[in-house]
Amino acid sequence: MAETGYCVKCKGKKDMKDEQKVTMKNGRPAVKGKCPECGTGMYKILGKK
């Protein structure tokens, strides 16, 4: 899948590792993963498709 997200610790866009598709409480789809460099949790909200 290789989703790209923003790491707030590294301050840059990175490809997430160990990503999983999740559904937020409001029903919107999202992708959760980890930064490959520092291991910080990353989150990307997807569109309403």
Protein backbone atom coordinates (compact mmCIF):
# COMPACT_ATOMS: atom_id res chain seq x y z
CA MET A 1 0.00 0.00 0.00
CA ALA A 2 2.84 2.44 0.93
CA GLU A 3 0.79 5.44 2.06
CA THR A 4 2.67 8.70 2.56
CA GLY A 5 2.05 10.64 5.76
CA TYR A 6 3.57 13.53 7.69
CA CYS A 7 5.80 12.77 10.68
CA VAL A 8 5.56 15.55 13.26
CA LYS A 9 8.78 14.46 14.97
CA CYS A 10 10.95 14.34 11.80
CA LYS A 11 9.00 17.27 10.25
CA GLY A 12 8.68 15.70 6.82
CA LYS A 13 6.65 13.42 4.58
CA LYS A 14 7.57 9.74 4.80
CA ASP A 15 6.19 6.42 3.58
CA MET A 16 4.51 4.70 6.54
CA LYS A 17 5.51 1.23 7.64
CA ASP A 18 3.16 -1.31 9.28
CA GLU A 19 0.16 0.61 7.96
CA GLN A 20 -3.42 -0.54 8.58
CA LYS A 21 -6.72 0.76 7.26
CA VAL A 22 -9.00 1.84 10.10
CA THR A 23 -12.38 3.54 10.44
CA MET A 24 -12.62 6.54 12.74
CA LYS A 25 -15.51 7.05 15.18
CA ASN A 26 -17.27 9.36 12.72
CA GLY A 27 -17.14 6.69 9.98
CA ARG A 28 -14.37 8.22 7.86
CA PRO A 29 -11.61 5.92 6.59
CA ALA A 30 -8.01 6.49 7.70
CA VAL A 31 -4.60 4.81 7.62
CA LYS A 32 -2.47 4.31 10.75
CA GLY A 33 1.23 3.50 10.58
CA LYS A 34 4.69 4.25 11.95
CA CYS A 35 7.52 6.46 10.76
CA PRO A 36 10.33 4.29 9.34
CA GLU A 37 13.04 6.52 10.85
CA CYS A 38 11.90 7.39 14.38
CA GLY A 39 8.98 5.00 15.00
CA THR A 40 6.47 7.74 15.85
CA GLY A 41 2.82 6.95 15.11
CA MET A 42 1.51 8.51 11.89
CA TYR A 43 -2.11 8.96 10.82
CA LYS A 44 -3.63 9.93 7.46
CA ILE A 45 -7.32 10.69 6.96
CA LEU A 46 -8.64 9.44 3.61
CA GLY A 47 -11.46 10.82 1.46
CA LYS A 48 -15.11 9.76 1.63
CA LYS A 49 -14.93 7.14 -1.12
